Amino acid sequence: MKCDTVVPLGPLVPSVELAQQAGCELSVINGLWCVKSDPEGRTSIPGIFASGGVTGLVRNEERIVSGEVAASAIVKLLGDS
């Protein structure tokens, strides 16, 4: 398996359009649409990961940790292929 796209985003308002177009399941958190993901950043579509504000996290520290966790899960996935 290869990695086709990494999308770093920085706005406080989640930008879910790319994940939505890919078919990822969304949910509403605090009145904003967010990408549903598990604790390792996996979305409802295999091979697509989400982290940070797009998953509804607000605190900067949480966003950073979620990105690190998702990156580790991606590395593990790619290493298993």
Protein backbone atom coordinates (compact mmCIF):
# COMPACT_ATOMS: atom_id res chain seq x y z
CA MET A 1 0.00 0.00 0.00
CA LYS A 2 1.16 3.53 -0.68
CA CYS A 3 0.19 6.93 0.67
CA ASP A 4 -1.50 9.07 -1.97
CA THR A 5 -2.38 12.22 -0.04
CA VAL A 6 -1.61 14.02 3.20
CA VAL A 7 -3.68 17.13 3.83
CA PRO A 8 -2.46 19.41 6.62
CA LEU A 9 -5.07 21.96 7.63
CA GLY A 10 -5.02 24.65 10.26
CA PRO A 11 -8.37 26.44 10.56
CA LEU A 12 -10.42 26.18 13.72
CA VAL A 13 -13.52 25.32 11.69
CA PRO A 14 -13.30 21.73 10.40
CA SER A 15 -13.06 21.41 6.64
CA VAL A 16 -14.67 18.04 6.02
CA GLU A 17 -15.36 18.30 2.29
CA LEU A 18 -12.50 16.08 1.09
CA ALA A 19 -13.34 13.35 3.61
CA GLN A 20 -17.02 13.67 2.75
CA GLN A 21 -16.31 13.28 -0.97
CA ALA A 22 -14.31 10.15 -0.15
CA GLY A 23 -17.38 8.75 1.60
CA CYS A 24 -16.25 9.09 5.22
CA GLU A 25 -18.95 9.13 7.84
CA LEU A 26 -19.51 12.52 9.48
CA SER A 27 -21.04 13.61 12.78
CA VAL A 28 -21.99 16.91 14.37
CA ILE A 29 -19.87 17.99 17.34
CA ASN A 30 -20.55 21.33 19.02
CA GLY A 31 -22.64 22.39 16.03
CA LEU A 32 -19.93 21.64 13.43
CA TRP A 33 -19.65 18.78 10.97
CA CYS A 34 -16.66 16.55 11.81
CA VAL A 35 -15.16 13.34 10.43
CA LYS A 36 -15.93 10.30 12.58
CA SER A 37 -12.77 8.39 13.48
CA ASP A 38 -11.58 5.82 15.97
CA PRO A 39 -8.87 6.59 18.58
CA GLU A 40 -6.14 5.85 16.00
CA GLY A 41 -7.67 8.15 13.38
CA ARG A 42 -9.25 5.48 11.17
CA THR A 43 -12.39 6.68 9.43
CA SER A 44 -15.29 4.63 8.09
CA ILE A 45 -13.37 4.21 4.82
CA PRO A 46 -10.41 1.79 5.00
CA GLY A 47 -7.08 3.53 4.45
CA ILE A 48 -8.40 7.02 5.18
CA PHE A 49 -7.34 8.62 8.45
CA ALA A 50 -8.38 11.88 10.11
CA SER A 51 -7.03 13.78 13.10
CA GLY A 52 -7.09 17.15 14.79
CA GLY A 53 -9.82 19.73 14.36
CA VAL A 54 -11.50 17.89 11.51
CA THR A 55 -12.45 15.20 14.06
CA GLY A 56 -13.90 17.76 16.47
CA LEU A 57 -10.88 18.32 18.71
CA VAL A 58 -10.55 21.89 19.92
CA ARG A 59 -7.52 22.03 22.23
CA ASN A 60 -4.19 22.40 20.45
CA GLU A 61 -2.54 19.70 22.58
CA GLU A 62 -5.29 17.20 21.67
CA ARG A 63 -4.93 18.02 17.98
CA ILE A 64 -1.18 17.45 18.06
CA VAL A 65 -1.48 14.13 19.91
CA SER A 66 -4.22 12.91 17.55
CA GLY A 67 -1.98 13.68 14.57
CA GLU A 68 0.91 11.77 16.13
CA VAL A 69 -1.31 8.79 16.92
CA ALA A 70 -2.81 8.75 13.41
CA ALA A 71 0.66 9.04 11.85
CA SER A 72 1.83 6.04 13.88
CA ALA A 73 -1.20 4.04 12.78
CA ILE A 74 -0.54 4.94 9.14
CA VAL A 75 3.12 3.91 9.42
CA LYS A 76 2.03 0.60 10.97
CA LEU A 77 -0.52 0.07 8.17
CA LEU A 78 2.00 0.84 5.43
CA GLY A 79 4.63 -1.32 7.09
CA ASP A 80 2.26 -4.29 7.13
CA SER A 81 1.67 -4.09 3.37
